[in-house]
């Protein structure tokens, strides 16, 4: 197996750091947004009991649909965190190798003119 040069080692370290930091950042951002949705939806699910004035959870369709929407949003959050953490890594490596290829191609062109 070929040894990795210093730039490839730096790339691996940056890739791993990106996966963890982007995953944590997006998870925390989405967690805040979904927590806000839940807090905003609680008053819609509560109503005053006409007799006693106590709050109770409404069995209305709107409240049930809100619970289903929240669970679907949670599943979407997991996919968004994974996508934001893992998709940029191969794209970044591809861009880095494309830039290296182009730089070497241009350098070979200048070296051919000197000969």
Foldseek 3Di string as FASTA:
>chain_A
DDDDDPVVVVLVVVLVVLLVVLLVVLLVVLVVVLVVLVVVCVVVQWDADPPPRDIDGHPDPVNVVSVVVSVVSVVVSVVVSNCSRPVVSVVVVVVVVVVVVVVVVVVVVVVVVVD
